[in-house]
Amino acid sequence: MGHVFDSSLSGNYKDTVVIYKAGEDPLVYPEDKITKTKVVSWVTAEGYPLYEEISQPVWQRSQTANKPLLAIFVDNTKADEMKYVQDIAKSLKGRVVVTYGPLPSQKSLAERWGASGNVFPTAILADWKNSNSPVMSIFNEDNEKAGFNSQTGLAFVEAALKDEYQSYLKSEPVPADQKGPLYTLVGRTVDAFVNDPSKDVFVEFYAPWCGHCKKLAPVWEELAETFEGVDHVKIAKIDATANNLPKNINVRGYPTLIFFPANNKAGVPYNGERDLPSMTKFVIEQSTKPVKIGKEDL
């Protein structure tokens, strides 16, 4: 990229941006005014393939350009499924970075990002929304009776970009009974439980295979028992690998511990020591009402 000769300027050079791609004519930036936002958008649209296989460099490019990334999970040996990718990429050119995840190798990625892993093709949109953590929208395999195709896929993206799409909700079965003071949450219950305006809720987001989570488990049980008699404080846990989480909850590692006071459902992350005294003190300090444990008001 650099300067391009403009004959209308009588032999002078004009500042612009040019994309050179092997085997193709140079592409010249089409506007006179050069701004970072417009140039990045143009380069993202014209300087790369219309769509390509999902990879870390593509993810990083999407983040750097603040462009939503669409991952379409398909069997790339089937022409009709790859046609869906091509059709959608053409319609979204310049607005969304379109990628595909070949199956079965990327099945686990689809599951990790929130798909059930049982229905394909499917798609997931990662929208950065000027943040370092993307908001994930998952094609709703429960509601989309026609399945994923060029039309339903494009409609999914357009609605998700407007925050008007009801994303697929991966959830374990709702527990039949709540036994004991430690609440077990699932995808279908976590949002209402956390956002109860009358409760202070402390939640552990864990992964079954996580060694730190296994070590914390008995301590977390003790914490729930400690606050069993405190009506407005609830201690809960949720397997964050088997259940979709509300879009406002960002879990980057395991375990993630977040306290959701009755008056602040954005949540307060806990980063202290994972022992009973430290976490008990934290809950008491963050509580929106006085806490009575035993005979004392704390």
Protein backbone atom coordinates (compact mmCIF):
# COMPACT_ATOMS: atom_id res chain seq x y z
CA MET A 1 0.00 0.00 0.00
CA GLY A 2 1.27 3.50 -0.72
CA HIS A 3 0.97 6.20 -3.41
CA VAL A 4 -0.76 5.90 -6.72
CA PHE A 5 -0.27 8.20 -9.71
CA ASP A 6 -3.26 10.40 -10.55
CA SER A 7 -2.96 11.82 -14.09
CA SER A 8 -5.57 14.49 -13.39
CA LEU A 9 -3.13 16.20 -11.03
CA SER A 10 -0.71 17.14 -13.83
CA GLY A 11 2.11 14.84 -12.84
CA ASN A 12 1.67 15.13 -9.08
CA TYR A 13 1.01 12.23 -6.76
CA LYS A 14 -2.09 11.82 -4.64
CA ASP A 15 -2.10 10.29 -1.15
CA THR A 16 -4.26 7.20 -1.17
CA VAL A 17 -4.22 3.52 -0.28
CA VAL A 18 -3.76 0.66 -2.71
CA ILE A 19 -4.25 -3.07 -2.21
CA TYR A 20 -2.00 -5.31 -4.30
CA LYS A 21 -3.09 -8.95 -4.59
CA ALA A 22 -1.19 -11.52 -6.62
CA GLY A 23 -2.67 -12.08 -10.04
CA GLU A 24 -5.15 -9.22 -9.76
CA ASP A 25 -5.23 -5.54 -10.71
CA PRO A 26 -4.45 -3.12 -7.86
CA LEU A 27 -7.44 -1.89 -5.88
CA VAL A 28 -7.41 1.85 -5.14
CA TYR A 29 -9.18 3.31 -2.12
CA PRO A 30 -12.36 4.82 -3.62
CA GLU A 31 -12.68 7.98 -1.51
CA ASP A 32 -10.71 11.23 -1.35
CA LYS A 33 -10.89 11.54 2.43
CA ILE A 34 -8.76 8.98 4.26
CA THR A 35 -9.83 8.09 7.78
CA LYS A 36 -8.64 5.17 9.88
CA THR A 37 -12.15 3.76 10.37
CA LYS A 38 -13.02 3.84 6.69
CA VAL A 39 -9.68 2.48 5.53
CA VAL A 40 -9.75 -0.40 8.02
CA SER A 41 -13.29 -1.25 6.91
CA TRP A 42 -12.31 -1.12 3.24
CA VAL A 43 -9.16 -3.20 3.71
CA THR A 44 -11.08 -5.75 5.78
CA ALA A 45 -13.64 -6.06 2.98
CA GLU A 46 -11.33 -6.00 -0.05
CA GLY A 47 -7.90 -7.10 1.14
CA TYR A 48 -8.84 -10.60 2.23
CA PRO A 49 -10.80 -13.51 0.79
CA LEU A 50 -14.59 -13.22 0.76
CA TYR A 51 -14.60 -15.98 3.36
CA GLU A 52 -12.00 -18.31 4.82
CA GLU A 53 -11.53 -21.06 7.37
CA ILE A 54 -11.75 -19.96 10.99
CA SER A 55 -8.34 -19.40 12.59
CA GLN A 56 -6.69 -17.34 15.28
CA PRO A 57 -5.33 -14.73 12.81
CA VAL A 58 -8.82 -14.23 11.36
CA TRP A 59 -10.26 -13.87 14.88
CA GLN A 60 -7.60 -11.28 15.72
CA ARG A 61 -8.24 -9.38 12.49
CA SER A 62 -11.93 -9.23 13.32
CA GLN A 63 -11.15 -7.88 16.78
CA THR A 64 -8.60 -5.33 15.53
CA ALA A 65 -11.01 -4.02 12.90
CA ASN A 66 -13.91 -4.15 15.40
CA LYS A 67 -15.86 -6.12 12.81
CA PRO A 68 -18.26 -8.89 13.89
CA LEU A 69 -17.06 -12.38 13.05
CA LEU A 70 -19.43 -15.01 11.72
CA ALA A 71 -18.41 -18.66 12.04
CA ILE A 72 -20.52 -21.04 9.94
CA PHE A 73 -19.98 -24.69 10.88
CA VAL A 74 -20.43 -26.88 7.79
CA ASP A 75 -19.27 -30.03 6.09
CA ASN A 76 -16.90 -28.39 3.63
CA THR A 77 -17.00 -31.45 1.37
CA LYS A 78 -20.66 -30.69 0.57
CA ALA A 79 -21.16 -28.12 -2.18
CA ASP A 80 -24.59 -27.02 -0.99
CA GLU A 81 -23.33 -26.21 2.51
CA MET A 82 -20.34 -24.25 1.19
CA LYS A 83 -22.81 -22.40 -1.06
CA TYR A 84 -24.53 -21.16 2.10
CA VAL A 85 -21.21 -19.73 3.26
CA GLN A 86 -20.57 -18.04 -0.08
CA ASP A 87 -24.07 -16.55 -0.35
CA ILE A 88 -23.99 -15.14 3.17
CA ALA A 89 -20.44 -13.80 2.75
CA LYS A 90 -21.45 -11.92 -0.41
CA SER A 91 -24.39 -10.31 1.37
CA LEU A 92 -22.30 -9.29 4.40
CA LYS A 93 -19.17 -8.14 2.57
CA GLY A 94 -17.55 -5.20 4.33
CA ARG A 95 -19.77 -5.51 7.39
CA VAL A 96 -18.91 -8.91 8.86
CA VAL A 97 -15.81 -11.13 8.69
CA VAL A 98 -17.21 -14.43 7.44
CA THR A 99 -15.49 -17.73 8.20
CA TYR A 100 -16.40 -21.40 8.13
CA GLY A 101 -15.55 -24.17 10.56
CA PRO A 102 -15.11 -27.50 8.77
CA LEU A 103 -16.72 -30.52 10.37
CA PRO A 104 -16.01 -32.67 12.21
CA SER A 105 -12.72 -31.01 13.18
CA GLN A 106 -14.38 -27.82 14.48
CA LYS A 107 -17.36 -29.47 16.17
CA SER A 108 -15.77 -28.93 19.58
CA LEU A 109 -15.31 -25.22 18.85
CA ALA A 110 -19.00 -24.87 18.00
CA GLU A 111 -19.88 -26.55 21.29
CA ARG A 112 -17.46 -24.40 23.24
CA TRP A 113 -19.01 -21.26 21.79
CA GLY A 114 -22.54 -22.32 22.73
CA ALA A 115 -23.99 -24.61 20.05
CA SER A 116 -25.43 -27.97 21.09
CA GLY A 117 -23.09 -29.92 18.82
CA ASN A 118 -26.03 -32.03 17.68
CA VAL A 119 -27.40 -30.01 14.75
CA PHE A 120 -25.38 -28.85 11.74
CA PRO A 121 -24.95 -26.69 9.75
CA THR A 122 -25.14 -23.94 12.33
CA ALA A 123 -23.55 -20.55 12.94
CA ILE A 124 -22.30 -18.30 15.70
CA LEU A 125 -21.84 -14.53 15.51
CA ALA A 126 -19.17 -12.89 17.68
CA ASP A 127 -19.92 -9.15 17.88
CA TRP A 128 -17.24 -7.08 19.58
CA LYS A 129 -19.47 -4.03 20.18
CA ASN A 130 -16.39 -1.90 20.94
CA SER A 131 -15.33 -4.30 23.69
CA ASN A 132 -12.47 -6.74 24.21
CA SER A 133 -14.98 -9.52 24.85
CA PRO A 134 -17.43 -10.42 22.08
CA VAL A 135 -21.15 -10.95 22.55
CA MET A 136 -21.96 -14.39 21.15
CA SER A 137 -25.22 -15.10 19.33
CA ILE A 138 -25.97 -18.72 18.41
CA PHE A 139 -28.25 -19.84 15.57
CA ASN A 140 -31.33 -21.18 17.33
CA GLU A 141 -31.72 -24.80 16.30
CA ASP A 142 -34.81 -25.13 18.52
CA ASN A 143 -36.78 -22.32 16.87
CA GLU A 144 -35.49 -22.38 13.28
CA LYS A 145 -37.66 -25.13 11.86
CA ALA A 146 -36.28 -24.71 8.30
CA GLY A 147 -32.76 -25.32 9.54
CA PHE A 148 -29.69 -23.36 8.50
CA ASN A 149 -29.43 -22.20 4.89
CA SER A 150 -28.54 -19.05 2.96
CA GLN A 151 -31.79 -17.29 3.85
CA THR A 152 -32.17 -18.31 7.49
CA GLY A 153 -28.46 -17.77 8.10
CA LEU A 154 -28.50 -14.23 6.76
CA ALA A 155 -31.69 -13.39 8.67
CA PHE A 156 -30.01 -14.69 11.85
CA VAL A 157 -27.02 -12.38 11.38
CA GLU A 158 -29.10 -9.30 10.56
CA ALA A 159 -31.28 -9.80 13.65
CA ALA A 160 -28.31 -10.57 15.90
CA LEU A 161 -26.51 -7.38 14.79
CA LYS A 162 -29.57 -5.44 15.98
CA ASP A 163 -29.76 -7.37 19.27
CA GLU A 164 -33.13 -8.73 18.14
CA TYR A 165 -32.33 -12.44 17.88
CA GLN A 166 -33.33 -15.04 20.45
CA SER A 167 -30.12 -17.00 20.67
CA TYR A 168 -30.02 -20.77 21.15
CA LEU A 169 -29.98 -21.63 24.84
CA LYS A 170 -27.83 -24.62 25.67
CA SER A 171 -28.97 -25.96 29.01
CA GLU A 172 -28.74 -29.01 31.19
CA PRO A 173 -32.11 -30.25 32.52
CA VAL A 174 -33.59 -28.11 35.27
CA PRO A 175 -33.01 -29.93 38.59
CA ALA A 176 -36.24 -31.50 39.82
CA ASP A 177 -35.54 -30.58 43.42
CA GLN A 178 -33.31 -28.03 45.12
CA LYS A 179 -31.73 -29.94 47.98
CA GLY A 180 -29.45 -28.22 50.44
CA PRO A 181 -28.24 -24.61 50.61
CA LEU A 182 -26.10 -24.70 47.46
CA TYR A 183 -28.20 -23.96 44.39
CA THR A 184 -27.42 -25.69 41.09
CA LEU A 185 -28.19 -23.41 38.13
CA VAL A 186 -28.56 -24.33 34.46
CA GLY A 187 -28.93 -22.35 31.26
CA ARG A 188 -32.70 -22.06 31.62
CA THR A 189 -32.59 -20.79 35.21
CA VAL A 190 -29.42 -18.74 35.63
CA ASP A 191 -30.72 -15.44 34.24
CA ALA A 192 -33.81 -15.22 36.45
CA PHE A 193 -31.94 -16.48 39.52
CA VAL A 194 -29.04 -14.03 39.20
CA ASN A 195 -31.30 -11.07 38.39
CA ASP A 196 -33.73 -11.52 41.27
CA PRO A 197 -33.91 -7.94 42.62
CA SER A 198 -34.55 -9.15 46.17
CA LYS A 199 -31.48 -11.39 46.42
CA ASP A 200 -27.71 -11.08 46.72
CA VAL A 201 -26.37 -13.99 44.66
CA PHE A 202 -22.82 -15.38 44.68
CA VAL A 203 -22.17 -17.75 41.78
CA GLU A 204 -19.32 -20.09 40.92
CA PHE A 205 -18.94 -20.66 37.16
CA TYR A 206 -16.97 -23.90 36.87
CA ALA A 207 -15.81 -26.62 34.49
CA PRO A 208 -16.05 -30.27 35.54
CA TRP A 209 -12.50 -31.01 34.36
CA CYS A 210 -10.95 -28.01 36.16
CA GLY A 211 -8.61 -28.99 38.99
CA HIS A 212 -9.00 -25.63 40.78
CA CYS A 213 -12.79 -26.07 40.63
CA LYS A 214 -12.56 -29.53 42.21
CA LYS A 215 -10.42 -28.12 45.00
CA LEU A 216 -12.88 -25.28 45.59
CA ALA A 217 -15.99 -27.53 45.61
CA PRO A 218 -16.03 -28.51 49.32
CA VAL A 219 -15.22 -24.94 50.39
CA TRP A 220 -18.04 -23.63 48.21
CA GLU A 221 -20.40 -26.11 49.89
CA GLU A 222 -19.28 -24.81 53.30
CA LEU A 223 -19.87 -21.23 52.16
CA ALA A 224 -23.44 -22.11 51.17
CA GLU A 225 -23.98 -23.77 54.56
CA THR A 226 -22.60 -20.68 56.31
CA PHE A 227 -25.27 -18.45 54.74
CA GLU A 228 -28.07 -21.02 54.80
CA GLY A 229 -30.09 -19.02 57.31
CA VAL A 230 -29.65 -15.68 55.55
CA ASP A 231 -32.77 -15.26 53.43
CA HIS A 232 -31.48 -12.58 51.03
CA VAL A 233 -28.11 -14.29 50.28
CA LYS A 234 -27.95 -17.23 47.88
CA ILE A 235 -24.86 -19.25 46.96
CA ALA A 236 -24.99 -21.08 43.62
CA LYS A 237 -22.91 -22.89 41.03
CA ILE A 238 -23.25 -23.59 37.30
CA ASP A 239 -21.32 -25.74 34.86
CA ALA A 240 -20.32 -23.03 32.38
CA THR A 241 -19.25 -25.62 29.80
CA ALA A 242 -22.67 -27.31 29.58
CA ASN A 243 -24.90 -24.25 29.79
CA ASN A 244 -25.13 -20.97 27.90
CA LEU A 245 -24.76 -17.89 30.08
CA PRO A 246 -26.50 -14.51 29.84
CA LYS A 247 -24.67 -12.19 27.44
CA ASN A 248 -23.66 -9.79 30.23
CA ILE A 249 -21.72 -12.49 32.11
CA ASN A 250 -18.15 -12.88 30.91
CA VAL A 251 -16.34 -16.04 31.98
CA ARG A 252 -12.75 -16.32 30.74
CA GLY A 253 -11.39 -18.98 33.06
CA TYR A 254 -12.43 -21.48 35.71
CA PRO A 255 -13.51 -21.08 38.33
CA THR A 256 -14.95 -17.57 37.90
CA LEU A 257 -16.67 -16.23 41.01
CA ILE A 258 -19.09 -13.30 40.69
CA PHE A 259 -21.26 -11.68 43.36
CA PHE A 260 -24.52 -10.17 42.08
CA PRO A 261 -25.93 -7.80 44.72
CA ALA A 262 -29.63 -7.01 44.68
CA ASN A 263 -28.81 -3.46 43.57
CA ASN A 264 -26.04 -4.25 41.04
CA LYS A 265 -26.75 -7.06 38.62
CA ALA A 266 -23.69 -6.14 36.56
CA GLY A 267 -21.89 -8.21 39.18
CA VAL A 268 -18.78 -7.83 41.34
CA PRO A 269 -15.96 -10.29 40.47
CA TYR A 270 -14.24 -12.01 43.38
CA ASN A 271 -10.46 -12.28 43.03
CA GLY A 272 -9.47 -12.99 46.62
CA GLU A 273 -8.27 -16.11 48.41
CA ARG A 274 -10.49 -19.15 47.90
CA ASP A 275 -10.82 -20.08 51.55
CA LEU A 276 -13.91 -19.97 53.73
CA PRO A 277 -12.96 -16.98 55.95
CA SER A 278 -11.96 -14.78 52.98
CA MET A 279 -15.08 -15.52 50.95
CA THR A 280 -17.36 -15.21 53.98
CA LYS A 281 -15.92 -11.76 54.69
CA PHE A 282 -16.41 -10.77 51.04
CA VAL A 283 -20.08 -11.78 51.03
CA ILE A 284 -20.72 -9.88 54.27
CA GLU A 285 -19.00 -6.75 52.93
CA GLN A 286 -20.88 -6.87 49.62
CA SER A 287 -24.27 -7.71 51.11
CA THR A 288 -27.00 -5.12 50.57
CA LYS A 289 -28.48 -5.89 54.01
CA PRO A 290 -26.99 -6.66 57.40
CA VAL A 291 -26.03 -10.31 57.66
CA LYS A 292 -26.74 -12.32 60.80
CA ILE A 293 -24.69 -15.47 61.25
CA GLY A 294 -25.21 -17.24 64.52
CA LYS A 295 -25.94 -14.67 67.24
CA GLU A 296 -24.24 -11.64 65.72
CA ASP A 297 -25.21 -9.06 63.12
CA LEU A 298 -22.24 -8.68 60.81
